[in-house]
Amino acid sequence: MKWQVIPAIVLGLTALPAPAQASAPDVVAAVKRLQSQGAAVKIYQRTSAGWPEDPRVEALPTRECGRRDDAPVVTGLAKLGRGGVVAADVRRKVVTQECPLRFLKEDAAGGDRRAADQVKIASAVHRVRAAGGRLYVSGPAYGGGAGWRALGRASAGAALYGDQIIDPFDVDTLKFLVRTATINRAGPPLHDADNRRTGKTWAYRGTTTFAALFRASKPFRDMLGGRLDPQVGRISFMYGVHTDLSGRPVTVITVWRTDQALRMRGAKSATRYSWDVKAAVPAPAATVGAGRDPYGDDLLDALKLDALK
């Protein structure tokens, strides 16, 4: 069974030389300051996943059908406040290649609910908004039709995370990553969510496990529904948190892979942030009914206990 190889170089482990700085910016203090200011941040995120190949795709000539290439792209805004993200409004688009999509449609026609949801997810841009402690969704996978639907009570981070496993606006998560980092030094130039160049950066990079992140990070526990399967907990991942010299996050990158018998063989996710944004994220003025939670609308859904049964 073939699966995508995730190259480690995405984390910049062969980093370019960067000018030395006397001391690291305090990213924890910077995020606390951004919380107190009620700062808004723009987000651009791209993720790729190592899924097993569908045997029906493998049987086709290479020139006729490429590999499955789910590439979720998330764009949007988040508002910070006491404790971290207090509101968010994001759009998520998934690109699925023609041949895998054809077979997903065949499976959906045969009654496979997971395949049917994947077809809907690939059919349109889906939106998720968190405001006032509630989650709102829009798009065919969440119930179809136009307008917003209410999905229930949830933390605002639920709108942002599920492809990216690190919440850089949660203080406990940041403290853990800074403490665990094996690289803590000036980093290479990077680009923010608006593709603007940040010439001077600082890099915190390291390797840890899903179990360690689960213990340290409430947002990660929330992503997994509060339960972590031991075989998932053993998975190691590499991370990079890169800031500007004031300590504001500019990029967060995670890379992991596993040889275990899991549906997803690994993933890499790169999130970029732009600051000095003025934006409000209100709850929708009206909803058209209750939304439903589709199978696999986030990559991390593949690692939840219910999905491993």
Protein backbone atom coordinates (compact mmCIF):
# COMPACT_ATOMS: atom_id res chain seq x y z
CA MET A 1 0.00 0.00 0.00
CA LYS A 2 1.47 3.32 -1.04
CA TRP A 3 1.37 6.47 0.97
CA GLN A 4 2.81 9.92 0.77
CA VAL A 5 6.28 10.48 2.19
CA ILE A 6 6.40 13.62 4.29
CA PRO A 7 9.83 15.28 3.95
CA ALA A 8 11.38 16.62 7.14
CA ILE A 9 12.90 19.58 5.33
CA VAL A 10 9.59 21.45 5.60
CA LEU A 11 10.56 22.35 9.14
CA GLY A 12 13.73 23.99 7.95
CA LEU A 13 15.94 21.53 9.81
CA THR A 14 18.67 22.58 7.38
CA ALA A 15 18.02 26.21 8.23
CA LEU A 16 19.77 29.02 6.47
CA PRO A 17 22.21 31.03 8.57
CA ALA A 18 20.50 33.93 10.30
CA PRO A 19 21.83 36.97 12.14
CA ALA A 20 22.39 36.32 15.83
CA GLN A 21 20.24 38.00 18.46
CA ALA A 22 21.20 38.41 22.10
CA SER A 23 18.10 36.70 23.44
CA ALA A 24 14.92 35.06 22.21
CA PRO A 25 11.72 37.13 22.06
CA ASP A 26 9.24 36.07 24.73
CA VAL A 27 6.48 34.48 22.64
CA VAL A 28 4.40 33.66 25.72
CA ALA A 29 4.45 37.28 26.91
CA ALA A 30 3.71 38.47 23.37
CA VAL A 31 0.64 36.24 23.06
CA LYS A 32 -0.61 37.34 26.48
CA ARG A 33 -0.24 40.94 25.32
CA LEU A 34 -2.16 40.19 22.11
CA GLN A 35 -4.92 38.57 24.17
CA SER A 36 -5.20 41.62 26.43
CA GLN A 37 -5.39 43.87 23.35
CA GLY A 38 -8.17 41.78 21.80
CA ALA A 39 -5.99 41.51 18.69
CA ALA A 40 -7.28 40.08 15.42
CA VAL A 41 -5.17 37.86 13.17
CA LYS A 42 -5.49 36.75 9.54
CA ILE A 43 -4.81 33.09 8.77
CA TYR A 44 -3.65 31.15 5.72
CA GLN A 45 -3.13 27.43 6.13
CA ARG A 46 -2.32 24.58 3.77
CA THR A 47 -2.23 20.92 4.75
CA SER A 48 -1.40 17.68 2.97
CA ALA A 49 -2.06 14.16 4.22
CA GLY A 50 -0.61 10.73 3.54
CA TRP A 51 -3.66 8.63 2.79
CA PRO A 52 -3.46 5.02 1.56
CA GLU A 53 -4.03 4.73 -2.17
CA ASP A 54 -7.41 3.44 -3.28
CA PRO A 55 -6.62 0.09 -5.04
CA ARG A 56 -8.96 1.12 -7.86
CA VAL A 57 -6.81 4.19 -8.49
CA GLU A 58 -3.61 2.12 -8.35
CA ALA A 59 -5.03 -0.17 -11.02
CA LEU A 60 -5.39 2.69 -13.50
CA PRO A 61 -2.55 3.84 -15.75
CA THR A 62 -0.52 6.62 -14.14
CA ARG A 63 -1.19 8.94 -17.06
CA GLU A 64 -4.94 8.46 -16.58
CA CYS A 65 -5.21 9.08 -12.87
CA GLY A 66 -2.86 10.69 -10.38
CA ARG A 67 -2.62 9.89 -6.70
CA ARG A 68 -5.19 11.02 -4.17
CA ASP A 69 -4.29 14.58 -3.25
CA ASP A 70 -6.49 15.99 -0.53
CA ALA A 71 -5.10 19.46 0.14
CA PRO A 72 -7.25 21.40 2.62
CA VAL A 73 -6.70 25.16 2.45
CA VAL A 74 -8.02 27.27 5.32
CA THR A 75 -8.28 31.05 5.22
CA GLY A 76 -9.95 33.46 7.59
CA LEU A 77 -9.76 35.54 10.72
CA ALA A 78 -9.52 34.96 14.46
CA LYS A 79 -10.07 37.26 17.39
CA LEU A 80 -8.04 36.88 20.57
CA GLY A 81 -9.14 37.57 24.10
CA ARG A 82 -8.75 36.23 27.58
CA GLY A 83 -7.57 32.63 27.38
CA GLY A 84 -6.81 32.59 23.65
CA VAL A 85 -9.05 32.49 20.58
CA VAL A 86 -12.50 33.86 21.44
CA ALA A 87 -13.99 34.08 17.93
CA ALA A 88 -13.10 32.88 14.45
CA ASP A 89 -14.48 32.84 10.93
CA VAL A 90 -12.77 30.56 8.41
CA ARG A 91 -13.26 29.06 4.98
CA ARG A 92 -12.02 25.57 4.16
CA LYS A 93 -11.58 24.18 0.66
CA VAL A 94 -10.45 20.64 -0.16
CA VAL A 95 -9.00 19.68 -3.53
CA THR A 96 -9.56 16.03 -4.46
CA GLN A 97 -8.25 14.69 -7.76
CA GLU A 98 -10.67 13.54 -10.46
CA CYS A 99 -10.19 9.76 -10.28
CA PRO A 100 -10.34 9.37 -6.48
CA LEU A 101 -13.39 11.63 -6.51
CA ARG A 102 -15.03 9.38 -9.12
CA PHE A 103 -14.60 6.34 -6.87
CA LEU A 104 -15.81 8.25 -3.82
CA LYS A 105 -18.98 9.06 -5.76
CA GLU A 106 -19.42 5.39 -6.64
CA ASP A 107 -19.04 4.42 -2.98
CA ALA A 108 -21.45 7.16 -1.95
CA ALA A 109 -24.04 5.85 -4.40
CA GLY A 110 -23.65 2.45 -2.74
CA GLY A 111 -24.54 3.86 0.68
CA ASP A 112 -21.10 4.68 2.13
CA ARG A 113 -21.83 7.69 4.35
CA ARG A 114 -18.16 8.58 4.84
CA ALA A 115 -17.63 8.68 1.07
CA ALA A 116 -20.80 10.73 0.62
CA ASP A 117 -19.53 13.33 3.10
CA GLN A 118 -16.14 13.45 1.40
CA VAL A 119 -17.83 14.14 -1.93
CA LYS A 120 -19.78 17.00 -0.36
CA ILE A 121 -16.65 18.39 1.29
CA ALA A 122 -14.88 18.41 -2.07
CA SER A 123 -17.83 20.06 -3.81
CA ALA A 124 -17.69 23.54 -2.29
CA VAL A 125 -16.01 25.93 0.09
CA HIS A 126 -17.27 25.31 3.63
CA ARG A 127 -17.36 27.91 6.37
CA VAL A 128 -17.10 27.63 10.13
CA ARG A 129 -17.69 30.53 12.51
CA ALA A 130 -17.26 30.55 16.27
CA ALA A 131 -18.75 33.38 18.30
CA GLY A 132 -20.27 33.71 21.75
CA GLY A 133 -19.30 30.18 22.72
CA ARG A 134 -21.25 28.64 19.83
CA LEU A 135 -20.26 27.10 16.52
CA TYR A 136 -21.97 27.90 13.20
CA VAL A 137 -21.41 26.14 9.89
CA SER A 138 -22.29 26.65 6.25
CA GLY A 139 -21.92 24.36 3.24
CA PRO A 140 -23.36 21.14 1.77
CA ALA A 141 -21.46 18.78 4.09
CA TYR A 142 -23.01 20.47 7.12
CA GLY A 143 -26.61 20.10 5.98
CA GLY A 144 -26.93 21.69 2.55
CA GLY A 145 -28.70 24.77 1.35
CA ALA A 146 -27.75 28.39 1.80
CA GLY A 147 -27.26 30.17 5.09
CA TRP A 148 -25.74 29.41 8.46
CA ARG A 149 -26.62 26.43 10.64
CA ALA A 150 -26.02 26.10 14.39
CA LEU A 151 -23.77 23.20 15.39
CA GLY A 152 -23.94 23.73 19.16
CA ARG A 153 -21.70 24.98 21.94
CA ALA A 154 -17.95 24.79 21.35
CA SER A 155 -14.73 26.64 22.05
CA ALA A 156 -13.76 29.21 19.44
CA GLY A 157 -10.67 27.18 18.60
CA ALA A 158 -12.94 24.50 17.15
CA ALA A 159 -13.31 26.71 14.10
CA LEU A 160 -9.54 26.85 13.54
CA TYR A 161 -7.99 23.54 14.48
CA GLY A 162 -8.37 20.00 13.23
CA ASP A 163 -5.95 20.10 10.32
CA GLN A 164 -3.35 22.03 12.32
CA ILE A 165 -2.85 20.40 15.74
CA ILE A 166 -1.06 23.31 17.47
CA ASP A 167 -2.89 26.31 18.89
CA PRO A 168 -0.19 29.01 19.23
CA PHE A 169 -2.59 31.33 21.08
CA ASP A 170 -3.01 28.98 24.04
CA VAL A 171 -0.46 29.91 26.73
CA ASP A 172 -0.07 26.40 28.20
CA THR A 173 0.53 24.96 24.74
CA LEU A 174 3.16 27.61 24.00
CA LYS A 175 4.94 27.11 27.30
CA PHE A 176 5.18 23.38 26.62
CA LEU A 177 6.53 23.86 23.08
CA VAL A 178 9.12 26.45 24.14
CA ARG A 179 10.25 24.21 27.00
CA THR A 180 10.46 21.15 24.72
CA ALA A 181 12.18 22.88 21.78
CA THR A 182 15.65 21.63 20.89
CA ILE A 183 16.22 24.60 18.57
CA ASN A 184 15.76 28.10 19.99
CA ARG A 185 17.55 30.64 17.82
CA ALA A 186 17.26 33.28 15.13
CA GLY A 187 15.45 31.91 12.08
CA PRO A 188 15.27 32.50 8.33
CA PRO A 189 13.03 35.07 6.59
CA LEU A 190 9.38 33.97 6.32
CA HIS A 191 6.14 35.16 4.75
CA ASP A 192 2.94 35.95 6.59
CA ALA A 193 -0.67 35.20 5.61
CA ASP A 194 -0.62 38.16 3.18
CA ASN A 195 2.62 36.83 1.65
CA ARG A 196 4.58 39.75 3.09
CA ARG A 197 8.19 39.02 3.95
CA THR A 198 9.25 39.01 7.58
CA GLY A 199 13.00 39.39 7.36
CA LYS A 200 13.98 38.74 10.98
CA THR A 201 12.40 35.86 12.83
CA TRP A 202 12.95 33.57 15.79
CA ALA A 203 12.52 29.79 15.60
CA TYR A 204 11.41 27.31 18.25
CA ARG A 205 11.62 23.79 16.82
CA GLY A 206 11.50 20.34 18.30
CA THR A 207 9.95 16.88 18.37
CA THR A 208 7.36 15.54 20.77
CA THR A 209 4.50 13.03 20.87
CA PHE A 210 0.75 13.29 20.54
CA ALA A 211 0.47 12.01 24.13
CA ALA A 212 2.72 14.79 25.48
CA LEU A 213 0.80 17.44 23.53
CA PHE A 214 -2.47 15.94 24.76
CA ARG A 215 -1.36 16.37 28.39
CA ALA A 216 -0.11 19.93 27.87
CA SER A 217 -2.69 21.42 25.50
CA LYS A 218 -6.40 21.76 26.25
CA PRO A 219 -7.15 22.83 22.64
CA PHE A 220 -5.58 19.57 21.41
CA ARG A 221 -7.64 17.58 23.92
CA ASP A 222 -10.74 19.37 22.65
CA MET A 223 -9.83 18.52 19.04
CA LEU A 224 -9.78 14.82 19.90
CA GLY A 225 -12.97 14.93 21.93
CA GLY A 226 -11.09 14.52 25.21
CA ARG A 227 -9.93 10.97 24.41
CA LEU A 228 -6.61 9.73 23.04
CA ASP A 229 -6.03 6.21 21.77
CA PRO A 230 -2.67 4.82 23.02
CA GLN A 231 -1.52 3.94 19.50
CA VAL A 232 -2.13 7.56 18.46
CA GLY A 233 -0.42 8.86 21.60
CA ARG A 234 2.84 7.15 20.62
CA ILE A 235 3.08 9.07 17.35
CA SER A 236 5.95 11.57 17.25
CA PHE A 237 5.71 14.83 15.35
CA MET A 238 8.06 17.66 14.51
CA TYR A 239 6.97 21.23 15.08
CA GLY A 240 8.17 24.72 14.38
CA VAL A 241 6.83 27.91 15.94
CA HIS A 242 8.36 30.95 14.25
CA THR A 243 7.85 34.49 15.51
CA ASP A 244 8.84 38.01 14.57
CA LEU A 245 11.26 39.74 16.89
CA SER A 246 8.42 41.09 19.03
CA GLY A 247 7.33 37.49 19.73
CA ARG A 248 4.19 37.44 17.58
CA PRO A 249 3.70 34.09 15.79
CA VAL A 250 4.34 34.27 12.04
CA THR A 251 4.19 30.57 11.13
CA VAL A 252 3.40 27.27 12.81
CA ILE A 253 4.41 24.03 11.08
CA THR A 254 3.74 20.43 12.12
CA VAL A 255 4.88 17.23 10.40
CA TRP A 256 4.17 13.66 11.45
CA ARG A 257 4.06 10.19 9.98
CA THR A 258 3.64 6.66 11.24
CA ASP A 259 4.02 3.07 10.05
CA GLN A 260 1.15 1.96 12.25
CA ALA A 261 -2.05 0.59 10.78
CA LEU A 262 -3.94 3.87 10.83
CA ARG A 263 -6.17 5.29 8.14
CA MET A 264 -3.96 8.36 7.80
CA ARG A 265 -0.23 7.71 7.43
CA GLY A 266 0.86 11.22 8.27
CA ALA A 267 0.35 14.88 7.56
CA LYS A 268 2.09 18.21 7.29
CA SER A 269 0.38 21.50 8.03
CA ALA A 270 1.76 25.01 7.62
CA THR A 271 -0.13 27.99 9.03
CA ARG A 272 0.82 31.62 8.41
CA TYR A 273 -0.41 34.65 10.36
CA SER A 274 -0.77 38.37 9.60
CA TRP A 275 -1.20 40.95 12.35
CA ASP A 276 -2.37 44.56 12.60
CA VAL A 277 -5.79 43.40 11.36
CA LYS A 278 -8.97 45.20 12.37
CA ALA A 279 -11.93 42.84 12.34
CA ALA A 280 -14.93 41.72 14.35
CA VAL A 281 -16.44 38.23 14.27
CA PRO A 282 -20.12 38.43 15.25
CA ALA A 283 -22.51 35.51 15.41
CA PRO A 284 -24.65 35.12 12.27
CA ALA A 285 -27.75 37.30 12.29
CA ALA A 286 -29.92 34.24 11.63
CA THR A 287 -29.65 30.48 11.16
CA VAL A 288 -31.65 28.13 8.94
CA GLY A 289 -31.61 25.12 11.24
CA ALA A 290 -29.29 22.69 12.99
CA GLY A 291 -26.06 21.63 11.32
CA ARG A 292 -24.61 18.14 11.23
CA ASP A 293 -21.02 17.08 11.85
CA PRO A 294 -19.84 15.26 8.71
CA TYR A 295 -17.38 12.37 8.64
CA GLY A 296 -13.84 13.59 8.09
CA ASP A 297 -14.36 17.32 7.78
CA ASP A 298 -10.98 17.74 9.55
CA LEU A 299 -7.89 15.57 9.05
CA LEU A 300 -7.60 14.87 12.76
CA ASP A 301 -11.00 13.15 12.65
CA ALA A 302 -9.15 10.12 11.26
CA LEU A 303 -7.36 9.72 14.61
CA LYS A 304 -10.34 10.01 16.94
CA LEU A 305 -11.33 6.91 18.87
CA ASP A 306 -14.61 6.51 17.00
CA ALA A 307 -12.77 6.51 13.67
CA LEU A 308 -10.29 3.84 14.85
CA LYS A 309 -12.96 1.25 15.63
